[in-house]
Every structure is written in C-alpha cells, then in structure tokens.
Amino acid sequence: MRVDAQGGVRLGVAEPLADGDDVHVRVDQLRRVSVAQRVEGHRWLADVIGEVRLFDQQHTSIQAALDKCDRAIQALRDEVEIKIGLGRKLARLKAEVAEARQQAPSFEAELDGLREKVAKQEKMIARLRGEQSQLAYAQKELDAEQQKNRAQVSLTAVKLTTIGEQTRTVLEALHENGFDLWEMESSSGWMS
C-alpha cells in the first residue's frame, strides 16, 4: 500500500503477501509472515521535514509578498478615494460657481447706459468747444472794434477839447467886450 503525505511525497510500507482480495487461495495461507522489503526509517522523515521547512519558507515569502501587494492595493484604493473625493469637491465647486454667476448682477445694461451718456456728453463738449471758438472770435472782433471806437473817441475828445479851448477863448473875448451869454441864457432860457 502506498501512502500519500502532504506535498505529494509517496511513502512505501511493507505488507504481508497474503493480504488482499485478488490473492489466490494457495497464496493466501499465512505462513511465516515476513517483510517483503526493507524500510528506511528516518530518511523519509527528514525529506518530509525538509520539504515542510521549504514550504514554510515559501509560504512566509509568499505571505510577505501578498502583504506588500495588499499595502500597495490599499494605497491605490486610498489614492482613488482621494481623487474621487476631489472630483466630487470639484464638481460641487463648479456648481457653486455656476450658481454664483447666475445670481451675480449683470452690469451690462448699466454699462451701456453709461457709455451712451458719455457719448452724449462728448457731443455736447464738442458743440460747446465750437461755440466757445465762435465766441472767442466774436470777442476778438468786438475788442478790435472797441479799440477802434476808443481811438475815435480819443480823437473826438481831442477835437472837442481843441474846439472847447477855442470856444472859451471866443467867449472870454465876447465877455470882455461886454457881451455876456450867461446873462442872456438866464433871461431868455435858450441855452437850456
């Protein structure tokens, strides 16, 4: 009979010749039972122990490799969870930004109104500058005419002064000759 131990080791055990179902009657007689083969006692045990130790070492190294893989897988899972969490946070932030943009007041209409006012004021400023230029030209013409008039007035004043001097001289001469216009004025009233 053969016995299989763990690891596929086959061990041989001696059996009596008369044991079995398919043995003929002649052979099935029990005579002196003797061992058919010689059994090596301890060598197979040493082989089994060596294989068990080898298996144990392989098991330890495999377990260490599996533990290392488990840690790497856990690290990857943690990283994936972090990325998923960041993705969710990013999606929430995008939603908040979109909502804030929808709630933000639009200043486009107000800006367009202000631009329109600026354009009107620029037109008014251009018109007023034109009018100012025309007024400045008219003022220069008036100043020139006033200068001309002043020169004429001065000339007239000089002429009148000259005439006035001559008139005074004539009146004084008349007065010395006995002709008094002031008395005539008060009596007839023609000078007033």
N, C-alpha and C. Protein backbone atom coordinates (compact mmCIF):
# COMPACT_ATOMS: atom_id res chain seq x y z
N MET A 1 0.84 -1.16 0.00
CA MET A 1 0.00 0.00 0.00
C MET A 1 0.89 1.23 0.00
N ARG A 2 0.46 2.22 -0.73
CA ARG A 2 1.23 3.46 -0.79
C ARG A 2 0.44 4.54 -0.07
N VAL A 3 1.15 5.40 0.67
CA VAL A 3 0.52 6.47 1.44
C VAL A 3 1.02 7.79 0.88
N ASP A 4 0.10 8.65 0.53
CA ASP A 4 0.50 9.99 0.05
C ASP A 4 0.45 10.95 1.21
N ALA A 5 1.57 11.57 1.47
CA ALA A 5 1.61 12.61 2.50
C ALA A 5 1.42 13.97 1.83
N GLN A 6 1.36 15.00 2.63
CA GLN A 6 1.21 16.34 2.06
C GLN A 6 2.39 16.65 1.18
N GLY A 7 2.16 17.37 0.12
CA GLY A 7 3.25 17.72 -0.76
C GLY A 7 3.52 16.66 -1.80
N GLY A 8 2.72 15.62 -1.87
CA GLY A 8 2.86 14.62 -2.90
C GLY A 8 3.97 13.62 -2.65
N VAL A 9 4.45 13.48 -1.45
CA VAL A 9 5.51 12.52 -1.14
C VAL A 9 4.87 11.14 -1.02
N ARG A 10 5.42 10.12 -1.67
CA ARG A 10 4.87 8.76 -1.61
C ARG A 10 5.78 7.90 -0.75
N LEU A 11 5.21 7.34 0.21
CA LEU A 11 5.99 6.51 1.13
C LEU A 11 5.59 5.05 0.93
N GLY A 12 6.51 4.17 1.00
CA GLY A 12 6.21 2.75 0.85
C GLY A 12 6.18 2.05 2.19
N VAL A 13 5.17 1.21 2.41
CA VAL A 13 5.06 0.44 3.65
C VAL A 13 4.96 -1.05 3.25
N ALA A 14 5.64 -1.88 3.93
CA ALA A 14 5.62 -3.32 3.61
C ALA A 14 4.30 -3.91 4.03
N GLU A 15 3.78 -4.87 3.22
CA GLU A 15 2.52 -5.53 3.51
C GLU A 15 2.75 -7.05 3.49
N PRO A 16 1.95 -7.76 4.22
CA PRO A 16 2.09 -9.21 4.13
C PRO A 16 1.60 -9.68 2.77
N LEU A 17 2.18 -10.73 2.28
CA LEU A 17 1.88 -11.23 0.96
C LEU A 17 0.45 -11.78 0.92
N ALA A 18 -0.07 -12.27 1.98
CA ALA A 18 -1.38 -12.90 1.98
C ALA A 18 -2.50 -11.91 2.22
N ASP A 19 -2.27 -10.63 2.08
CA ASP A 19 -3.32 -9.66 2.34
C ASP A 19 -3.82 -9.14 1.01
N GLY A 20 -5.10 -9.16 0.77
CA GLY A 20 -5.64 -8.63 -0.46
C GLY A 20 -6.83 -9.44 -0.92
N ASP A 21 -7.62 -8.87 -1.79
CA ASP A 21 -8.81 -9.55 -2.28
C ASP A 21 -8.51 -10.41 -3.51
N ASP A 22 -7.55 -10.02 -4.26
CA ASP A 22 -7.30 -10.72 -5.50
C ASP A 22 -6.17 -11.74 -5.38
N VAL A 23 -5.90 -12.23 -4.21
CA VAL A 23 -4.83 -13.20 -4.00
C VAL A 23 -5.46 -14.60 -4.06
N HIS A 24 -4.80 -15.57 -4.72
CA HIS A 24 -5.31 -16.92 -4.80
C HIS A 24 -5.22 -17.60 -3.45
N VAL A 25 -6.03 -18.63 -3.31
CA VAL A 25 -6.13 -19.32 -2.04
C VAL A 25 -4.80 -19.96 -1.67
N ARG A 26 -4.14 -20.48 -2.63
CA ARG A 26 -2.88 -21.11 -2.34
C ARG A 26 -1.93 -20.13 -1.71
N VAL A 27 -1.98 -18.95 -2.17
CA VAL A 27 -1.01 -17.95 -1.70
C VAL A 27 -1.55 -17.30 -0.44
N ASP A 28 -2.85 -17.40 -0.18
CA ASP A 28 -3.45 -16.67 0.92
C ASP A 28 -3.21 -17.34 2.26
N GLN A 29 -2.46 -18.35 2.27
CA GLN A 29 -2.21 -19.02 3.54
C GLN A 29 -1.19 -18.22 4.31
N LEU A 30 -1.41 -18.19 5.57
CA LEU A 30 -0.47 -17.45 6.41
C LEU A 30 0.62 -18.40 6.84
N ARG A 31 1.69 -18.14 6.42
CA ARG A 31 2.84 -18.88 6.89
C ARG A 31 3.62 -17.93 7.73
N ARG A 32 4.80 -18.05 7.67
CA ARG A 32 5.60 -17.09 8.41
C ARG A 32 5.46 -15.77 7.70
N VAL A 33 5.00 -14.84 8.38
CA VAL A 33 4.85 -13.51 7.76
C VAL A 33 6.20 -12.83 7.85
N SER A 34 6.62 -12.43 6.71
CA SER A 34 7.91 -11.74 6.72
C SER A 34 7.78 -10.44 5.94
N VAL A 35 8.69 -9.54 6.15
CA VAL A 35 8.65 -8.23 5.47
C VAL A 35 9.23 -8.44 4.10
N ALA A 36 8.51 -8.01 3.11
CA ALA A 36 8.95 -8.21 1.75
C ALA A 36 10.09 -7.27 1.39
N GLN A 37 10.08 -6.09 1.92
CA GLN A 37 11.13 -5.14 1.59
C GLN A 37 11.70 -4.55 2.85
N ARG A 38 12.79 -4.02 2.64
CA ARG A 38 13.43 -3.34 3.75
C ARG A 38 12.94 -1.90 3.77
N VAL A 39 12.56 -1.32 4.90
CA VAL A 39 12.03 0.05 5.03
C VAL A 39 13.11 0.91 5.62
N GLU A 40 13.30 2.03 4.96
CA GLU A 40 14.23 3.00 5.50
C GLU A 40 13.45 3.86 6.47
N GLY A 41 13.86 3.92 7.67
CA GLY A 41 13.08 4.53 8.73
C GLY A 41 13.11 6.06 8.76
N HIS A 42 14.23 6.63 8.85
CA HIS A 42 14.28 8.06 9.14
C HIS A 42 14.56 8.94 7.93
N ARG A 43 14.96 8.35 6.88
CA ARG A 43 15.29 9.17 5.72
C ARG A 43 14.05 9.86 5.17
N TRP A 44 12.98 9.21 5.05
CA TRP A 44 11.77 9.83 4.51
C TRP A 44 11.26 10.91 5.43
N LEU A 45 11.44 10.74 6.74
CA LEU A 45 11.02 11.76 7.69
C LEU A 45 11.85 13.02 7.53
N ALA A 46 13.13 12.90 7.28
CA ALA A 46 14.00 14.05 7.07
C ALA A 46 13.61 14.77 5.79
N ASP A 47 13.28 13.97 4.75
CA ASP A 47 12.84 14.59 3.50
C ASP A 47 11.54 15.38 3.70
N VAL A 48 10.62 14.78 4.44
CA VAL A 48 9.34 15.44 4.72
C VAL A 48 9.57 16.72 5.50
N ILE A 49 10.42 16.63 6.53
CA ILE A 49 10.69 17.83 7.34
C ILE A 49 11.36 18.90 6.49
N GLY A 50 12.29 18.52 5.62
CA GLY A 50 12.95 19.48 4.72
C GLY A 50 11.96 20.13 3.79
N GLU A 51 11.05 19.32 3.25
CA GLU A 51 10.04 19.88 2.36
C GLU A 51 9.07 20.78 3.11
N VAL A 52 8.73 20.40 4.33
CA VAL A 52 7.84 21.25 5.15
C VAL A 52 8.52 22.58 5.44
N ARG A 53 9.82 22.52 5.77
CA ARG A 53 10.55 23.78 6.03
C ARG A 53 10.60 24.64 4.77
N LEU A 54 10.89 23.98 3.64
CA LEU A 54 10.92 24.72 2.38
C LEU A 54 9.55 25.32 2.09
N PHE A 55 8.51 24.53 2.31
CA PHE A 55 7.15 25.02 2.13
C PHE A 55 6.87 26.19 3.07
N ASP A 56 7.33 26.09 4.32
CA ASP A 56 7.13 27.16 5.30
C ASP A 56 7.86 28.43 4.86
N GLN A 57 9.09 28.29 4.35
CA GLN A 57 9.83 29.46 3.88
C GLN A 57 9.13 30.09 2.67
N GLN A 58 8.69 29.21 1.75
CA GLN A 58 7.98 29.73 0.59
C GLN A 58 6.69 30.40 1.01
N HIS A 59 6.01 29.78 1.98
CA HIS A 59 4.77 30.36 2.49
C HIS A 59 5.03 31.72 3.11
N THR A 60 6.11 31.85 3.87
CA THR A 60 6.44 33.12 4.52
C THR A 60 6.75 34.19 3.47
N SER A 61 7.56 33.81 2.46
CA SER A 61 7.91 34.80 1.43
C SER A 61 6.68 35.17 0.60
N ILE A 62 5.83 34.17 0.31
CA ILE A 62 4.59 34.46 -0.43
C ILE A 62 3.69 35.35 0.41
N GLN A 63 3.58 35.06 1.71
CA GLN A 63 2.75 35.88 2.59
C GLN A 63 3.28 37.31 2.65
N ALA A 64 4.61 37.48 2.72
CA ALA A 64 5.20 38.81 2.74
C ALA A 64 4.90 39.55 1.44
N ALA A 65 5.01 38.83 0.31
CA ALA A 65 4.69 39.44 -0.99
C ALA A 65 3.22 39.82 -1.06
N LEU A 66 2.35 38.94 -0.54
CA LEU A 66 0.92 39.25 -0.52
C LEU A 66 0.63 40.45 0.38
N ASP A 67 1.28 40.51 1.54
CA ASP A 67 1.10 41.66 2.42
C ASP A 67 1.54 42.96 1.74
N LYS A 68 2.68 42.86 1.02
CA LYS A 68 3.18 44.03 0.30
C LYS A 68 2.17 44.44 -0.78
N CYS A 69 1.64 43.46 -1.51
CA CYS A 69 0.62 43.75 -2.52
C CYS A 69 -0.63 44.33 -1.89
N ASP A 70 -1.03 43.79 -0.73
CA ASP A 70 -2.21 44.32 -0.03
C ASP A 70 -2.00 45.79 0.35
N ARG A 71 -0.78 46.11 0.84
CA ARG A 71 -0.49 47.50 1.21
C ARG A 71 -0.51 48.40 -0.03
N ALA A 72 0.06 47.91 -1.13
CA ALA A 72 0.06 48.70 -2.37
C ALA A 72 -1.37 48.90 -2.88
N ILE A 73 -2.17 47.83 -2.81
CA ILE A 73 -3.57 47.93 -3.24
C ILE A 73 -4.33 48.91 -2.35
N GLN A 74 -4.08 48.84 -1.04
CA GLN A 74 -4.75 49.77 -0.12
C GLN A 74 -4.33 51.21 -0.41
N ALA A 75 -3.03 51.41 -0.70
CA ALA A 75 -2.56 52.76 -1.03
C ALA A 75 -3.24 53.26 -2.30
N LEU A 76 -3.38 52.37 -3.29
CA LEU A 76 -4.06 52.76 -4.52
C LEU A 76 -5.53 53.05 -4.27
N ARG A 77 -6.17 52.23 -3.42
CA ARG A 77 -7.57 52.49 -3.07
C ARG A 77 -7.72 53.84 -2.38
N ASP A 78 -6.79 54.12 -1.44
CA ASP A 78 -6.83 55.41 -0.76
C ASP A 78 -6.66 56.55 -1.74
N GLU A 79 -5.72 56.38 -2.69
CA GLU A 79 -5.48 57.42 -3.68
C GLU A 79 -6.71 57.62 -4.57
N VAL A 80 -7.32 56.50 -4.96
CA VAL A 80 -8.53 56.58 -5.79
C VAL A 80 -9.64 57.28 -5.01
N GLU A 81 -9.80 56.93 -3.73
CA GLU A 81 -10.83 57.58 -2.91
C GLU A 81 -10.56 59.07 -2.78
N ILE A 82 -9.28 59.44 -2.62
CA ILE A 82 -8.94 60.85 -2.54
C ILE A 82 -9.29 61.55 -3.85
N LYS A 83 -8.93 60.91 -4.97
CA LYS A 83 -9.23 61.51 -6.27
C LYS A 83 -10.73 61.60 -6.49
N ILE A 84 -11.45 60.56 -6.09
CA ILE A 84 -12.91 60.61 -6.22
C ILE A 84 -13.47 61.73 -5.35
N GLY A 85 -12.93 61.84 -4.13
CA GLY A 85 -13.36 62.91 -3.22
C GLY A 85 -13.05 64.28 -3.81
N LEU A 86 -11.86 64.41 -4.40
CA LEU A 86 -11.51 65.68 -5.03
C LEU A 86 -12.41 65.97 -6.22
N GLY A 87 -12.72 64.92 -6.97
CA GLY A 87 -13.62 65.08 -8.11
C GLY A 87 -14.99 65.56 -7.66
N ARG A 88 -15.47 64.99 -6.57
CA ARG A 88 -16.78 65.42 -6.04
C ARG A 88 -16.73 66.85 -5.55
N LYS A 89 -15.63 67.18 -4.85
CA LYS A 89 -15.49 68.56 -4.37
C LYS A 89 -15.39 69.53 -5.54
N LEU A 90 -14.65 69.15 -6.58
CA LEU A 90 -14.53 69.99 -7.76
C LEU A 90 -15.88 70.17 -8.43
N ALA A 91 -16.65 69.10 -8.52
CA ALA A 91 -17.99 69.20 -9.11
C ALA A 91 -18.87 70.13 -8.29
N ARG A 92 -18.79 70.01 -6.94
CA ARG A 92 -19.57 70.91 -6.08
C ARG A 92 -19.15 72.36 -6.27
N LEU A 93 -17.83 72.58 -6.34
CA LEU A 93 -17.33 73.95 -6.53
C LEU A 93 -17.77 74.52 -7.88
N LYS A 94 -17.74 73.68 -8.92
CA LYS A 94 -18.19 74.15 -10.23
C LYS A 94 -19.66 74.53 -10.17
N ALA A 95 -20.44 73.72 -9.48
CA ALA A 95 -21.87 74.02 -9.33
C ALA A 95 -22.06 75.33 -8.57
N GLU A 96 -21.27 75.55 -7.51
CA GLU A 96 -21.38 76.79 -6.75
C GLU A 96 -20.99 78.00 -7.60
N VAL A 97 -19.94 77.84 -8.41
CA VAL A 97 -19.51 78.94 -9.29
C VAL A 97 -20.60 79.26 -10.31
N ALA A 98 -21.19 78.21 -10.89
CA ALA A 98 -22.26 78.43 -11.86
C ALA A 98 -23.45 79.13 -11.20
N GLU A 99 -23.79 78.72 -9.99
CA GLU A 99 -24.89 79.35 -9.27
C GLU A 99 -24.57 80.80 -8.94
N ALA A 100 -23.33 81.05 -8.52
CA ALA A 100 -22.92 82.42 -8.20
C ALA A 100 -22.97 83.30 -9.45
N ARG A 101 -22.57 82.73 -10.59
CA ARG A 101 -22.62 83.51 -11.83
C ARG A 101 -24.06 83.84 -12.20
N GLN A 102 -24.97 82.90 -11.95
CA GLN A 102 -26.37 83.17 -12.25
C GLN A 102 -26.95 84.23 -11.32
N GLN A 103 -26.49 84.24 -10.08
CA GLN A 103 -27.02 85.19 -9.10
C GLN A 103 -26.33 86.54 -9.18
N ALA A 104 -25.17 86.60 -9.81
CA ALA A 104 -24.42 87.86 -9.89
C ALA A 104 -25.19 88.85 -10.75
N PRO A 105 -25.24 90.11 -10.29
CA PRO A 105 -25.97 91.11 -11.09
C PRO A 105 -25.22 91.39 -12.39
N SER A 106 -25.99 91.65 -13.41
CA SER A 106 -25.40 91.98 -14.71
C SER A 106 -25.30 93.49 -14.82
N PHE A 107 -24.12 93.95 -15.04
CA PHE A 107 -23.90 95.39 -15.15
C PHE A 107 -23.83 95.83 -16.61
N GLU A 108 -24.14 94.93 -17.53
CA GLU A 108 -24.05 95.25 -18.95
C GLU A 108 -25.01 96.38 -19.32
N ALA A 109 -26.25 96.30 -18.84
CA ALA A 109 -27.23 97.33 -19.18
C ALA A 109 -26.80 98.67 -18.60
N GLU A 110 -26.35 98.65 -17.36
CA GLU A 110 -25.89 99.89 -16.73
C GLU A 110 -24.66 100.45 -17.45
N LEU A 111 -23.77 99.55 -17.84
CA LEU A 111 -22.57 99.97 -18.57
C LEU A 111 -22.94 100.57 -19.92
N ASP A 112 -23.90 99.96 -20.61
CA ASP A 112 -24.35 100.50 -21.89
C ASP A 112 -24.97 101.88 -21.71
N GLY A 113 -25.75 102.07 -20.63
CA GLY A 113 -26.34 103.37 -20.33
C GLY A 113 -25.26 104.42 -20.08
N LEU A 114 -24.24 104.04 -19.32
CA LEU A 114 -23.15 104.98 -19.05
C LEU A 114 -22.38 105.32 -20.33
N ARG A 115 -22.17 104.33 -21.18
CA ARG A 115 -21.50 104.60 -22.46
C ARG A 115 -22.30 105.58 -23.31
N GLU A 116 -23.62 105.42 -23.30
CA GLU A 116 -24.49 106.32 -24.05
C GLU A 116 -24.39 107.74 -23.50
N LYS A 117 -24.38 107.87 -22.16
CA LYS A 117 -24.24 109.20 -21.55
C LYS A 117 -22.90 109.83 -21.91
N VAL A 118 -21.85 109.03 -21.89
CA VAL A 118 -20.52 109.55 -22.24
C VAL A 118 -20.51 110.05 -23.68
N ALA A 119 -21.13 109.28 -24.58
CA ALA A 119 -21.18 109.69 -25.99
C ALA A 119 -21.93 111.01 -26.13
N LYS A 120 -23.07 111.17 -25.43
CA LYS A 120 -23.83 112.43 -25.48
C LYS A 120 -23.01 113.58 -24.93
N GLN A 121 -22.32 113.35 -23.82
CA GLN A 121 -21.51 114.40 -23.22
C GLN A 121 -20.34 114.79 -24.14
N GLU A 122 -19.76 113.79 -24.82
CA GLU A 122 -18.68 114.11 -25.76
C GLU A 122 -19.21 114.97 -26.90
N LYS A 123 -20.41 114.68 -27.40
CA LYS A 123 -21.02 115.51 -28.45
C LYS A 123 -21.26 116.92 -27.94
N MET A 124 -21.78 117.01 -26.70
CA MET A 124 -22.07 118.33 -26.12
C MET A 124 -20.77 119.12 -25.94
N ILE A 125 -19.72 118.43 -25.48
CA ILE A 125 -18.43 119.09 -25.28
C ILE A 125 -17.90 119.61 -26.62
N ALA A 126 -18.02 118.78 -27.67
CA ALA A 126 -17.56 119.22 -28.99
C ALA A 126 -18.36 120.43 -29.46
N ARG A 127 -19.68 120.42 -29.25
CA ARG A 127 -20.53 121.56 -29.65
C ARG A 127 -20.16 122.80 -28.86
N LEU A 128 -19.98 122.63 -27.53
CA LEU A 128 -19.61 123.79 -26.69
C LEU A 128 -18.24 124.34 -27.06
N ARG A 129 -17.32 123.48 -27.42
CA ARG A 129 -16.00 123.96 -27.86
C ARG A 129 -16.12 124.77 -29.15
N GLY A 130 -16.98 124.30 -30.05
CA GLY A 130 -17.22 125.05 -31.28
C GLY A 130 -17.81 126.42 -30.98
N GLU A 131 -18.81 126.43 -30.09
CA GLU A 131 -19.43 127.70 -29.71
C GLU A 131 -18.42 128.61 -29.01
N GLN A 132 -17.59 128.02 -28.16
CA GLN A 132 -16.56 128.80 -27.47
C GLN A 132 -15.60 129.42 -28.47
N SER A 133 -15.24 128.65 -29.48
CA SER A 133 -14.34 129.17 -30.52
C SER A 133 -14.99 130.33 -31.27
N GLN A 134 -16.29 130.17 -31.59
CA GLN A 134 -17.02 131.25 -32.27
C GLN A 134 -17.11 132.48 -31.38
N LEU A 135 -17.39 132.25 -30.08
CA LEU A 135 -17.49 133.39 -29.14
C LEU A 135 -16.14 134.08 -28.98
N ALA A 136 -15.07 133.29 -28.95
CA ALA A 136 -13.74 133.89 -28.83
C ALA A 136 -13.44 134.75 -30.05
N TYR A 137 -13.83 134.27 -31.23
CA TYR A 137 -13.61 135.05 -32.45
C TYR A 137 -14.44 136.33 -32.42
N ALA A 138 -15.71 136.18 -32.01
CA ALA A 138 -16.58 137.37 -31.92
C ALA A 138 -16.03 138.36 -30.89
N GLN A 139 -15.50 137.83 -29.77
CA GLN A 139 -14.93 138.71 -28.74
C GLN A 139 -13.72 139.46 -29.30
N LYS A 140 -12.89 138.78 -30.09
CA LYS A 140 -11.73 139.46 -30.69
C LYS A 140 -12.19 140.57 -31.63
N GLU A 141 -13.23 140.27 -32.42
CA GLU A 141 -13.76 141.31 -33.32
C GLU A 141 -14.30 142.49 -32.52
N LEU A 142 -15.02 142.20 -31.43
CA LEU A 142 -15.56 143.28 -30.58
C LEU A 142 -14.43 144.09 -29.95
N ASP A 143 -13.40 143.37 -29.48
CA ASP A 143 -12.26 144.06 -28.89
C ASP A 143 -11.60 144.97 -29.92
N ALA A 144 -11.45 144.48 -31.15
CA ALA A 144 -10.83 145.30 -32.20
C ALA A 144 -11.70 146.52 -32.50
N GLU A 145 -13.03 146.30 -32.59
CA GLU A 145 -13.95 147.43 -32.84
C GLU A 145 -13.94 148.42 -31.69
N GLN A 146 -13.87 147.87 -30.45
CA GLN A 146 -13.81 148.76 -29.28
C GLN A 146 -12.53 149.59 -29.30
N GLN A 147 -11.42 148.94 -29.69
CA GLN A 147 -10.16 149.68 -29.80
C GLN A 147 -10.30 150.80 -30.83
N LYS A 148 -10.93 150.45 -31.93
CA LYS A 148 -11.15 151.45 -32.98
C LYS A 148 -12.02 152.58 -32.47
N ASN A 149 -13.12 152.21 -31.74
CA ASN A 149 -14.02 153.22 -31.19
C ASN A 149 -13.32 154.09 -30.16
N ARG A 150 -12.47 153.47 -29.35
CA ARG A 150 -11.72 154.25 -28.35
C ARG A 150 -10.80 155.25 -29.04
N ALA A 151 -10.19 154.78 -30.11
CA ALA A 151 -9.30 155.70 -30.84
C ALA A 151 -10.11 156.86 -31.41
N GLN A 152 -11.30 156.57 -31.93
CA GLN A 152 -12.16 157.63 -32.48
C GLN A 152 -12.64 158.55 -31.36
N VAL A 153 -13.02 157.96 -30.21
CA VAL A 153 -13.47 158.78 -29.08
C VAL A 153 -12.33 159.67 -28.61
N SER A 154 -11.14 159.10 -28.54
CA SER A 154 -9.99 159.92 -28.11
C SER A 154 -9.76 161.06 -29.08
N LEU A 155 -9.86 160.75 -30.37
CA LEU A 155 -9.67 161.78 -31.38
C LEU A 155 -10.75 162.85 -31.28
N THR A 156 -11.99 162.41 -31.07
CA THR A 156 -13.10 163.34 -30.92
C THR A 156 -12.92 164.18 -29.66
N ALA A 157 -12.46 163.57 -28.58
CA ALA A 157 -12.24 164.31 -27.34
C ALA A 157 -11.16 165.36 -27.55
N VAL A 158 -10.14 164.96 -28.30
CA VAL A 158 -9.06 165.93 -28.57
C VAL A 158 -9.61 167.08 -29.40
N LYS A 159 -10.46 166.70 -30.39
CA LYS A 159 -11.04 167.75 -31.24
C LYS A 159 -11.94 168.65 -30.41
N LEU A 160 -12.76 168.02 -29.55
CA LEU A 160 -13.68 168.82 -28.73
C LEU A 160 -12.90 169.70 -27.75
N THR A 161 -11.84 169.11 -27.23
CA THR A 161 -11.04 169.91 -26.31
C THR A 161 -10.45 171.12 -27.04
N THR A 162 -10.02 170.84 -28.25
CA THR A 162 -9.46 171.95 -29.03
C THR A 162 -10.55 172.97 -29.34
N ILE A 163 -11.72 172.46 -29.74
CA ILE A 163 -12.85 173.35 -30.02
C ILE A 163 -13.27 174.05 -28.74
N GLY A 164 -13.26 173.31 -27.65
CA GLY A 164 -13.64 173.90 -26.37
C GLY A 164 -12.69 175.02 -25.97
N GLU A 165 -11.42 174.83 -26.23
CA GLU A 165 -10.45 175.89 -25.92
C GLU A 165 -10.71 177.11 -26.78
N GLN A 166 -10.99 176.86 -28.01
CA GLN A 166 -11.24 177.97 -28.92
C GLN A 166 -12.54 178.68 -28.51
N THR A 167 -13.56 177.87 -28.14
CA THR A 167 -14.84 178.44 -27.73
C THR A 167 -14.65 179.26 -26.48
N ARG A 168 -13.93 178.78 -25.55
CA ARG A 168 -13.68 179.52 -24.31
C ARG A 168 -12.95 180.84 -24.62
N THR A 169 -12.02 180.73 -25.48
CA THR A 169 -11.28 181.95 -25.84
C THR A 169 -12.22 182.97 -26.47
N VAL A 170 -13.12 182.50 -27.35
CA VAL A 170 -14.07 183.39 -28.01
C VAL A 170 -15.05 183.94 -26.98
N LEU A 171 -15.53 183.09 -26.09
CA LEU A 171 -16.50 183.54 -25.09
C LEU A 171 -15.86 184.56 -24.14
N GLU A 172 -14.65 184.30 -23.78
CA GLU A 172 -13.97 185.26 -22.90
C GLU A 172 -13.77 186.60 -23.62
N ALA A 173 -13.45 186.47 -24.88
CA ALA A 173 -13.27 187.72 -25.64
C ALA A 173 -14.60 188.46 -25.75
N LEU A 174 -15.69 187.73 -25.97
CA LEU A 174 -17.01 188.36 -26.03
C LEU A 174 -17.38 188.96 -24.68
N HIS A 175 -17.07 188.25 -23.66
CA HIS A 175 -17.39 188.73 -22.33
C HIS A 175 -16.59 190.01 -22.04
N GLU A 176 -15.41 190.09 -22.44
CA GLU A 176 -14.60 191.29 -22.23
C GLU A 176 -15.16 192.44 -23.06
N ASN A 177 -15.73 192.17 -24.13
CA ASN A 177 -16.30 193.22 -24.98
C ASN A 177 -17.72 193.58 -24.51
N GLY A 178 -18.18 192.98 -23.47
CA GLY A 178 -19.45 193.35 -22.91
C GLY A 178 -20.59 192.45 -23.32
N PHE A 179 -20.34 191.47 -24.07
CA PHE A 179 -21.38 190.58 -24.47
C PHE A 179 -21.32 189.38 -23.56
N ASP A 180 -22.38 189.14 -22.75
CA ASP A 180 -22.37 188.05 -21.77
C ASP A 180 -23.46 187.06 -22.13
N LEU A 181 -23.06 185.86 -22.52
CA LEU A 181 -24.02 184.83 -22.90
C LEU A 181 -24.71 184.24 -21.68
N TRP A 182 -24.13 184.27 -20.59
CA TRP A 182 -24.72 183.69 -19.39
C TRP A 182 -25.91 184.51 -18.94
N GLU A 183 -25.83 185.79 -19.08
CA GLU A 183 -26.96 186.63 -18.71
C GLU A 183 -28.08 186.43 -19.70
N MET A 184 -27.79 186.26 -20.92
CA MET A 184 -28.79 186.07 -21.96
C MET A 184 -29.49 184.73 -21.73
N GLU A 185 -28.75 183.81 -21.29
CA GLU A 185 -29.31 182.46 -21.06
C GLU A 185 -30.32 182.53 -19.95
N SER A 186 -30.01 183.17 -18.87
CA SER A 186 -30.93 183.22 -17.76
C SER A 186 -32.13 184.06 -18.10
N SER A 187 -32.03 185.05 -18.93
CA SER A 187 -33.19 185.87 -19.24
C SER A 187 -34.03 185.24 -20.35
N SER A 188 -33.44 184.63 -21.33
CA SER A 188 -34.24 184.06 -22.42
C SER A 188 -34.42 182.56 -22.28
N GLY A 189 -33.51 181.82 -21.61
CA GLY A 189 -33.61 180.39 -21.43
C GLY A 189 -33.28 179.60 -22.66
N TRP A 190 -32.60 180.14 -23.63
CA TRP A 190 -32.32 179.41 -24.86
C TRP A 190 -31.19 178.42 -24.76
N MET A 191 -30.33 178.48 -23.74
CA MET A 191 -29.19 177.57 -23.62
C MET A 191 -29.61 176.28 -22.94
N SER A 192 -30.68 176.27 -22.31
CA SER A 192 -31.05 175.07 -21.60
C SER A 192 -31.73 174.20 -22.53
